[in-house]
PDB file of N, CA and C in Angstrom:
ATOM      1  N   ILE A   1    -178.437  -7.346-142.117  1.00  0.00           N
ATOM      2  CA  ILE A   1    -178.245  -6.447-143.239  1.00  0.00           C
ATOM      3  C   ILE A   1    -179.259  -6.800-144.318  1.00  0.00           C
ATOM      4  N   GLN A   2    -179.797  -5.772-144.927  1.00  0.00           N
ATOM      5  CA  GLN A   2    -180.736  -5.947-146.032  1.00  0.00           C
ATOM      6  C   GLN A   2    -180.124  -5.356-147.290  1.00  0.00           C
ATOM      7  N   ALA A   3    -180.463  -5.934-148.419  1.00  0.00           N
ATOM      8  CA  ALA A   3    -179.987  -5.432-149.706  1.00  0.00           C
ATOM      9  C   ALA A   3    -181.140  -4.753-150.428  1.00  0.00           C
ATOM     10  N   MET A   4    -180.905  -3.538-150.907  1.00  0.00           N
ATOM     11  CA  MET A   4    -181.915  -2.806-151.660  1.00  0.00           C
ATOM     12  C   MET A   4    -181.446  -2.688-153.107  1.00  0.00           C
ATOM     13  N   ALA A   5    -182.303  -3.075-154.018  1.00  0.00           N
ATOM     14  CA  ALA A   5    -181.958  -3.057-155.443  1.00  0.00           C
ATOM     15  C   ALA A   5    -182.319  -1.718-156.068  1.00  0.00           C
ATOM     16  N   TYR A   6    -181.452  -1.267-156.936  1.00  0.00           N
ATOM     17  CA  TYR A   6    -181.700  -0.078-157.746  1.00  0.00           C
ATOM     18  C   TYR A   6    -181.560  -0.497-159.197  1.00  0.00           C
ATOM     19  N   ASP A   7    -182.658  -0.432-159.948  1.00  0.00           N
ATOM     20  CA  ASP A   7    -182.646  -0.810-161.357  1.00  0.00           C
ATOM     21  C   ASP A   7    -182.482   0.437-162.213  1.00  0.00           C
ATOM     22  N   ASN A   8    -181.482   0.391-163.076  1.00  0.00           N
ATOM     23  CA  ASN A   8    -181.195   1.518-163.962  1.00  0.00           C
ATOM     24  C   ASN A   8    -181.327   1.064-165.406  1.00  0.00           C
ATOM     25  N   PRO A   9    -182.242   1.652-166.180  1.00  0.00           N
ATOM     26  CA  PRO A   9    -182.342   1.276-167.593  1.00  0.00           C
ATOM     27  C   PRO A   9    -181.175   1.872-168.382  1.00  0.00           C
ATOM     28  N   ILE A  10    -180.525   1.036-169.171  1.00  0.00           N
ATOM     29  CA  ILE A  10    -179.402   1.467-169.991  1.00  0.00           C
ATOM     30  C   ILE A  10    -179.819   1.331-171.450  1.00  0.00           C
ATOM     31  N   PRO A  11    -179.981   2.457-172.153  1.00  0.00           N
ATOM     32  CA  PRO A  11    -180.401   2.368-173.560  1.00  0.00           C
ATOM     33  C   PRO A  11    -179.248   1.887-174.435  1.00  0.00           C
ATOM     34  N   GLY A  12    -179.594   1.110-175.444  1.00  0.00           N
ATOM     35  CA  GLY A  12    -178.601   0.638-176.398  1.00  0.00           C
ATOM     36  C   GLY A  12    -178.305   1.709-177.439  1.00  0.00           C
ATOM     37  N   PHE A  13    -177.187   1.563-178.096  1.00  0.00           N
ATOM     38  CA  PHE A  13    -176.789   2.518-179.123  1.00  0.00           C
ATOM     39  C   PHE A  13    -177.502   2.201-180.431  1.00  0.00           C
ATOM     40  N   ASP A  14    -178.169   3.186-180.971  1.00  0.00           N
ATOM     41  CA  ASP A  14    -178.822   3.096-182.271  1.00  0.00           C
ATOM     42  C   ASP A  14    -179.846   1.950-182.321  1.00  0.00           C
ATOM     43  N   THR A  15    -180.573   1.791-181.222  1.00  0.00           N
ATOM     44  CA  THR A  15    -181.603   0.754-181.152  1.00  0.00           C
ATOM     45  C   THR A  15    -182.685   1.211-180.179  1.00  0.00           C
ATOM     46  N   TYR A  16    -183.813   0.534-180.218  1.00  0.00           N
ATOM     47  CA  TYR A  16    -184.894   0.857-179.298  1.00  0.00           C
ATOM     48  C   TYR A  16    -184.846   0.004-178.037  1.00  0.00           C
ATOM     49  N   ASN A  17    -183.893  -0.880-177.938  1.00  0.00           N
ATOM     50  CA  ASN A  17    -183.800  -1.787-176.801  1.00  0.00           C
ATOM     51  C   ASN A  17    -183.098  -1.115-175.614  1.00  0.00           C
ATOM     52  N   THR A  18    -183.497  -1.519-174.442  1.00  0.00           N
ATOM     53  CA  THR A  18    -182.801  -1.093-173.227  1.00  0.00           C
ATOM     54  C   THR A  18    -182.522  -2.326-172.376  1.00  0.00           C
ATOM     55  N   ASN A  19    -181.431  -2.291-171.671  1.00  0.00           N
ATOM     56  CA  ASN A  19    -181.091  -3.346-170.725  1.00  0.00           C
ATOM     57  C   ASN A  19    -181.189  -2.784-169.323  1.00  0.00           C
ATOM     58  N   ASN A  20    -181.387  -3.668-168.394  1.00  0.00           N
ATOM     59  CA  ASN A  20    -181.545  -3.262-167.009  1.00  0.00           C
ATOM     60  C   ASN A  20    -180.246  -3.547-166.245  1.00  0.00           C
ATOM     61  N   LEU A  21    -179.688  -2.527-165.618  1.00  0.00           N
ATOM     62  CA  LEU A  21    -178.506  -2.687-164.779  1.00  0.00           C
ATOM     63  C   LEU A  21    -178.960  -2.609-163.330  1.00  0.00           C
ATOM     64  N   ARG A  22    -178.785  -3.701-162.600  1.00  0.00           N
ATOM     65  CA  ARG A  22    -179.218  -3.748-161.198  1.00  0.00           C
ATOM     66  C   ARG A  22    -178.013  -3.506-160.293  1.00  0.00           C
ATOM     67  N   LEU A  23    -178.108  -2.459-159.481  1.00  0.00           N
ATOM     68  CA  LEU A  23    -177.094  -2.140-158.490  1.00  0.00           C
ATOM     69  C   LEU A  23    -177.676  -2.395-157.108  1.00  0.00           C
ATOM     70  N   TRP A  24    -176.814  -2.717-156.149  1.00  0.00           N
ATOM     71  CA  TRP A  24    -177.260  -3.056-154.808  1.00  0.00           C
ATOM     72  C   TRP A  24    -176.686  -2.083-153.795  1.00  0.00           C
ATOM     73  N   ARG A  25    -177.470  -1.823-152.780  1.00  0.00           N
ATOM     74  CA  ARG A  25    -177.028  -1.030-151.640  1.00  0.00           C
ATOM     75  C   ARG A  25    -177.362  -1.821-150.383  1.00  0.00           C
ATOM     76  N   SER A  26    -176.426  -1.852-149.468  1.00  0.00           N
ATOM     77  CA  SER A  26    -176.684  -2.572-148.217  1.00  0.00           C
ATOM     78  C   SER A  26    -177.241  -1.597-147.185  1.00  0.00           C
ATOM     79  N   LEU A  27    -178.257  -2.055-146.496  1.00  0.00           N
ATOM     80  CA  LEU A  27    -178.909  -1.255-145.460  1.00  0.00           C
ATOM     81  C   LEU A  27    -178.920  -2.044-144.159  1.00  0.00           C
ATOM     82  N   PRO A  28    -178.807  -1.366-143.037  1.00  0.00           N
ATOM     83  CA  PRO A  28    -178.873  -2.093-141.764  1.00  0.00           C
ATOM     84  C   PRO A  28    -180.299  -2.535-141.474  1.00  0.00           C
ATOM     85  N   SER A  29    -180.420  -3.609-140.736  1.00  0.00           N
ATOM     86  CA  SER A  29    -181.765  -4.069-140.372  1.00  0.00           C
ATOM     87  C   SER A  29    -182.385  -3.131-139.344  1.00  0.00           C
ATOM     88  N   GLU A  30    -181.557  -2.454-138.573  1.00  0.00           N
ATOM     89  CA  GLU A  30    -182.022  -1.470-137.593  1.00  0.00           C
ATOM     90  C   GLU A  30    -181.249  -0.181-137.830  1.00  0.00           C
ATOM     91  N   GLU A  31    -181.944   0.882-138.225  1.00  0.00           N
ATOM     92  CA  GLU A  31    -181.292   2.132-138.590  1.00  0.00           C
ATOM     93  C   GLU A  31    -180.565   2.806-137.421  1.00  0.00           C
ATOM     94  N   PHE A  32    -181.186   2.803-136.268  1.00  0.00           N
ATOM     95  CA  PHE A  32    -180.690   3.623-135.163  1.00  0.00           C
ATOM     96  C   PHE A  32    -181.001   2.920-133.857  1.00  0.00           C
ATOM     97  N   ASP A  33    -180.033   2.846-132.971  1.00  0.00           N
ATOM     98  CA  ASP A  33    -180.211   2.195-131.675  1.00  0.00           C
ATOM     99  C   ASP A  33    -180.505   3.268-130.622  1.00  0.00           C
ATOM    100  N   PHE A  34    -181.778   3.436-130.308  1.00  0.00           N
ATOM    101  CA  PHE A  34    -182.174   4.481-129.372  1.00  0.00           C
ATOM    102  C   PHE A  34    -181.675   4.221-127.957  1.00  0.00           C
ATOM    103  N   ASP A  35    -181.574   2.959-127.564  1.00  0.00           N
ATOM    104  CA  ASP A  35    -181.089   2.653-126.212  1.00  0.00           C
ATOM    105  C   ASP A  35    -179.647   3.109-126.032  1.00  0.00           C
ATOM    106  N   SER A  36    -178.794   2.854-127.005  1.00  0.00           N
ATOM    107  CA  SER A  36    -177.405   3.312-126.928  1.00  0.00           C
ATOM    108  C   SER A  36    -177.338   4.835-126.957  1.00  0.00           C
ATOM    109  N   PHE A  37    -178.174   5.443-127.782  1.00  0.00           N
ATOM    110  CA  PHE A  37    -178.172   6.904-127.869  1.00  0.00           C
ATOM    111  C   PHE A  37    -178.599   7.534-126.549  1.00  0.00           C
ATOM    112  N   ASN A  38    -179.615   6.979-125.912  1.00  0.00           N
ATOM    113  CA  ASN A  38    -180.084   7.520-124.643  1.00  0.00           C
ATOM    114  C   ASN A  38    -179.076   7.338-123.520  1.00  0.00           C
ATOM    115  N   GLU A  39    -178.165   6.366-123.672  1.00  0.00           N
ATOM    116  CA  GLU A  39    -177.115   6.154-122.675  1.00  0.00           C
ATOM    117  C   GLU A  39    -175.833   6.897-123.043  1.00  0.00           C
ATOM    118  N   SER A  40    -175.931   7.868-123.957  1.00  0.00           N
ATOM    119  CA  SER A  40    -174.820   8.731-124.398  1.00  0.00           C
ATOM    120  C   SER A  40    -173.715   7.970-125.115  1.00  0.00           C
ATOM    121  N   ARG A  41    -174.043   6.839-125.708  1.00  0.00           N
ATOM    122  CA  ARG A  41    -173.087   6.118-126.549  1.00  0.00           C
ATOM    123  C   ARG A  41    -173.469   6.390-128.001  1.00  0.00           C
ATOM    124  N   TYR A  42    -173.082   7.559-128.489  1.00  0.00           N
ATOM    125  CA  TYR A  42    -173.567   8.053-129.772  1.00  0.00           C
ATOM    126  C   TYR A  42    -172.970   7.291-130.953  1.00  0.00           C
ATOM    127  N   THR A  43    -171.703   6.935-130.863  1.00  0.00           N
ATOM    128  CA  THR A  43    -171.099   6.204-131.987  1.00  0.00           C
ATOM    129  C   THR A  43    -171.652   4.790-132.098  1.00  0.00           C
ATOM    130  N   GLU A  44    -171.972   4.174-130.979  1.00  0.00           N
ATOM    131  CA  GLU A  44    -172.568   2.839-131.014  1.00  0.00           C
ATOM    132  C   GLU A  44    -173.990   2.873-131.547  1.00  0.00           C
ATOM    133  N   ALA A  45    -174.657   4.015-131.431  1.00  0.00           N
ATOM    134  CA  ALA A  45    -176.042   4.133-131.898  1.00  0.00           C
ATOM    135  C   ALA A  45    -176.138   4.021-133.420  1.00  0.00           C
ATOM    136  N   VAL A  46    -175.104   4.424-134.127  1.00  0.00           N
ATOM    137  CA  VAL A  46    -175.122   4.377-135.590  1.00  0.00           C
ATOM    138  C   VAL A  46    -174.118   3.364-136.143  1.00  0.00           C
ATOM    139  N   GLU A  47    -173.586   2.498-135.307  1.00  0.00           N
ATOM    140  CA  GLU A  47    -172.572   1.527-135.733  1.00  0.00           C
ATOM    141  C   GLU A  47    -173.114   0.555-136.786  1.00  0.00           C
ATOM    142  N   ALA A  48    -174.329   0.086-136.636  1.00  0.00           N
ATOM    143  CA  ALA A  48    -174.902  -0.861-137.606  1.00  0.00           C
ATOM    144  C   ALA A  48    -175.040  -0.215-138.981  1.00  0.00           C
ATOM    145  N   ARG A  49    -175.405   1.047-139.009  1.00  0.00           N
ATOM    146  CA  ARG A  49    -175.538   1.739-140.293  1.00  0.00           C
ATOM    147  C   ARG A  49    -174.178   1.928-140.961  1.00  0.00           C
ATOM    148  N   ARG A  50    -173.167   2.257-140.177  1.00  0.00           N
ATOM    149  CA  ARG A  50    -171.830   2.445-140.728  1.00  0.00           C
ATOM    150  C   ARG A  50    -171.278   1.142-141.302  1.00  0.00           C
ATOM    151  N   ARG A  51    -171.480   0.041-140.583  1.00  0.00           N
ATOM    152  CA  ARG A  51    -171.000  -1.253-141.073  1.00  0.00           C
ATOM    153  C   ARG A  51    -171.726  -1.665-142.348  1.00  0.00           C
ATOM    154  N   ALA A  52    -173.007  -1.374-142.437  1.00  0.00           N
ATOM    155  CA  ALA A  52    -173.764  -1.708-143.653  1.00  0.00           C
ATOM    156  C   ALA A  52    -173.313  -0.836-144.824  1.00  0.00           C
ATOM    157  N   ASP A  53    -173.051   0.431-144.572  1.00  0.00           N
ATOM    158  CA  ASP A  53    -172.585   1.317-145.642  1.00  0.00           C
ATOM    159  C   ASP A  53    -171.202   0.922-146.141  1.00  0.00           C
ATOM    160  N   ASP A  54    -170.380   0.353-145.284  1.00  0.00           N
ATOM    161  CA  ASP A  54    -169.043  -0.073-145.695  1.00  0.00           C
ATOM    162  C   ASP A  54    -169.103  -1.157-146.765  1.00  0.00           C
ATOM    163  N   LEU A  55    -170.138  -1.974-146.753  1.00  0.00           N
ATOM    164  CA  LEU A  55    -170.240  -3.062-147.727  1.00  0.00           C
ATOM    165  C   LEU A  55    -170.454  -2.577-149.153  1.00  0.00           C
ATOM    166  N   SER A  56    -171.241  -1.542-149.324  1.00  0.00           N
ATOM    167  CA  SER A  56    -171.556  -1.113-150.685  1.00  0.00           C
ATOM    168  C   SER A  56    -171.020   0.271-151.023  1.00  0.00           C
ATOM    169  N   ALA A  57    -170.170   0.834-150.178  1.00  0.00           N
ATOM    170  CA  ALA A  57    -169.652   2.177-150.449  1.00  0.00           C
ATOM    171  C   ALA A  57    -168.644   2.161-151.592  1.00  0.00           C
ATOM    172  N   VAL A  58    -167.705   1.235-151.572  1.00  0.00           N
ATOM    173  CA  VAL A  58    -166.661   1.160-152.583  1.00  0.00           C
ATOM    174  C   VAL A  58    -166.622  -0.258-153.136  1.00  0.00           C
ATOM    175  N   LEU A  59    -166.795  -0.370-154.425  1.00  0.00           N
ATOM    176  CA  LEU A  59    -166.733  -1.675-155.065  1.00  0.00           C
ATOM    177  C   LEU A  59    -165.277  -1.998-155.383  1.00  0.00           C
ATOM    178  N   TYR A  60    -164.882  -3.228-155.199  1.00  0.00           N
ATOM    179  CA  TYR A  60    -163.516  -3.708-155.418  1.00  0.00           C
ATOM    180  C   TYR A  60    -162.497  -2.956-154.565  1.00  0.00           C
ATOM    181  N   PRO A  61    -162.552  -3.134-153.255  1.00  0.00           N
ATOM    182  CA  PRO A  61    -161.549  -2.482-152.402  1.00  0.00           C
ATOM    183  C   PRO A  61    -160.178  -3.128-152.600  1.00  0.00           C
ATOM    184  N   ASN A  62    -159.153  -2.419-152.205  1.00  0.00           N
ATOM    185  CA  ASN A  62    -157.796  -2.942-152.285  1.00  0.00           C
ATOM    186  C   ASN A  62    -157.680  -4.145-151.358  1.00  0.00           C
ATOM    187  N   ASP A  63    -157.283  -5.279-151.896  1.00  0.00           N
ATOM    188  CA  ASP A  63    -157.228  -6.484-151.073  1.00  0.00           C
ATOM    189  C   ASP A  63    -155.793  -6.960-150.836  1.00  0.00           C
ATOM    190  N   ASP A  64    -154.867  -6.023-150.742  1.00  0.00           N
ATOM    191  CA  ASP A  64    -153.488  -6.382-150.401  1.00  0.00           C
ATOM    192  C   ASP A  64    -153.364  -6.806-148.944  1.00  0.00           C
ATOM    193  N   LYS A  65    -154.218  -6.277-148.095  1.00  0.00           N
ATOM    194  CA  LYS A  65    -154.166  -6.583-146.666  1.00  0.00           C
ATOM    195  C   LYS A  65    -155.371  -7.443-146.284  1.00  0.00           C
ATOM    196  N   TRP A  66    -155.309  -8.006-145.096  1.00  0.00           N
ATOM    197  CA  TRP A  66    -156.345  -8.917-144.599  1.00  0.00           C
ATOM    198  C   TRP A  66    -157.708  -8.237-144.531  1.00  0.00           C
ATOM    199  N   GLU A  67    -157.748  -6.987-144.083  1.00  0.00           N
ATOM    200  CA  GLU A  67    -159.032  -6.276-143.958  1.00  0.00           C
ATOM    201  C   GLU A  67    -159.697  -6.095-145.314  1.00  0.00           C
ATOM    202  N   GLY A  68    -158.891  -5.791-146.340  1.00  0.00           N
ATOM    203  CA  GLY A  68    -159.438  -5.645-147.690  1.00  0.00           C
ATOM    204  C   GLY A  68    -159.982  -6.946-148.238  1.00  0.00           C
ATOM    205  N   LYS A  69    -159.287  -8.041-147.932  1.00  0.00           N
ATOM    206  CA  LYS A  69    -159.763  -9.349-148.383  1.00  0.00           C
ATOM    207  C   LYS A  69    -161.068  -9.726-147.701  1.00  0.00           C
ATOM    208  N   MET A  70    -161.170  -9.433-146.423  1.00  0.00           N
ATOM    209  CA  MET A  70    -162.407  -9.726-145.695  1.00  0.00           C
ATOM    210  C   MET A  70    -163.572  -8.877-146.215  1.00  0.00           C
ATOM    211  N   LEU A  71    -163.305  -7.598-146.498  1.00  0.00           N
ATOM    212  CA  LEU A  71    -164.356  -6.727-147.025  1.00  0.00           C
ATOM    213  C   LEU A  71    -164.811  -7.212-148.396  1.00  0.00           C
ATOM    214  N   ARG A  72    -163.880  -7.617-149.242  1.00  0.00           N
ATOM    215  CA  ARG A  72    -164.256  -8.108-150.565  1.00  0.00           C
ATOM    216  C   ARG A  72    -165.067  -9.399-150.461  1.00  0.00           C
ATOM    217  N   LEU A  73    -164.691 -10.278-149.550  1.00  0.00           N
ATOM    218  CA  LEU A  73    -165.443 -11.517-149.353  1.00  0.00           C
ATOM    219  C   LEU A  73    -166.859 -11.229-148.855  1.00  0.00           C
ATOM    220  N   LYS A  74    -166.997 -10.289-147.933  1.00  0.00           N
ATOM    221  CA  LYS A  74    -168.321  -9.905-147.437  1.00  0.00           C
ATOM    222  C   LYS A  74    -169.156  -9.282-148.552  1.00  0.00           C
ATOM    223  N   GLN A  75    -168.520  -8.458-149.401  1.00  0.00           N
ATOM    224  CA  GLN A  75    -169.239  -7.857-150.518  1.00  0.00           C
ATOM    225  C   GLN A  75    -169.737  -8.928-151.482  1.00  0.00           C
ATOM    226  N   GLN A  76    -168.875  -9.851-151.833  1.00  0.00           N
ATOM    227  CA  GLN A  76    -169.260 -10.898-152.767  1.00  0.00           C
ATOM    228  C   GLN A  76    -170.397 -11.736-152.204  1.00  0.00           C
ATOM    229  N   TYR A  77    -170.321 -12.053-150.925  1.00  0.00           N
ATOM    230  CA  TYR A  77    -171.382 -12.840-150.294  1.00  0.00           C
ATOM    231  C   TYR A  77    -172.706 -12.076-150.321  1.00  0.00           C
ATOM    232  N   MET A  78    -172.669 -10.792-149.977  1.00  0.00           N
ATOM    233  CA  MET A  78    -173.903 -10.005-149.969  1.00  0.00           C
ATOM    234  C   MET A  78    -174.499  -9.872-151.361  1.00  0.00           C
ATOM    235  N   PHE A  79    -173.649  -9.585-152.377  1.00  0.00           N
ATOM    236  CA  PHE A  79    -174.166  -9.398-153.738  1.00  0.00           C
ATOM    237  C   PHE A  79    -174.737 -10.707-154.302  1.00  0.00           C
ATOM    238  N   VAL A  80    -174.093 -11.819-154.032  1.00  0.00           N
ATOM    239  CA  VAL A  80    -174.597 -13.104-154.517  1.00  0.00           C
ATOM    240  C   VAL A  80    -175.908 -13.454-153.836  1.00  0.00           C
ATOM    241  N   CYS A  81    -175.956 -13.312-152.517  1.00  0.00           N
ATOM    242  CA  CYS A  81    -177.193 -13.639-151.798  1.00  0.00           C
ATOM    243  C   CYS A  81    -178.339 -12.721-152.216  1.00  0.00           C
ATOM    244  N   ALA A  82    -178.040 -11.459-152.453  1.00  0.00           N
ATOM    245  CA  ALA A  82    -179.088 -10.525-152.866  1.00  0.00           C
ATOM    246  C   ALA A  82    -179.582 -10.840-154.271  1.00  0.00           C
ATOM    247  N   SER A  83    -178.705 -11.331-155.125  1.00  0.00           N
ATOM    248  CA  SER A  83    -179.096 -11.622-156.503  1.00  0.00           C
ATOM    249  C   SER A  83    -179.898 -12.905-156.634  1.00  0.00           C
ATOM    250  N   LEU A  84    -179.711 -13.818-155.683  1.00  0.00           N
ATOM    251  CA  LEU A  84    -180.459 -15.076-155.748  1.00  0.00           C
ATOM    252  C   LEU A  84    -181.839 -14.835-155.266  1.00  0.00           C
TER     253      LEU A  84
END
């Protein structure tokens, strides 16, 4: 998985200063698996992209269940590693 940064300038109120807000999007290292697609396994061909999109689609998922806790942990790990 790769992290892509999006920098958004945020202007201050009644000032000439702006701050930079950096947002992250997760991208798969391989967009499309042609071998799986050619073997008629269409959902597996885009599985890496779907898993990467799950990381940055919703910030702060509900963590009442185990899956939510795992997703939040993966998000935190990705955002920290991308920021370093």
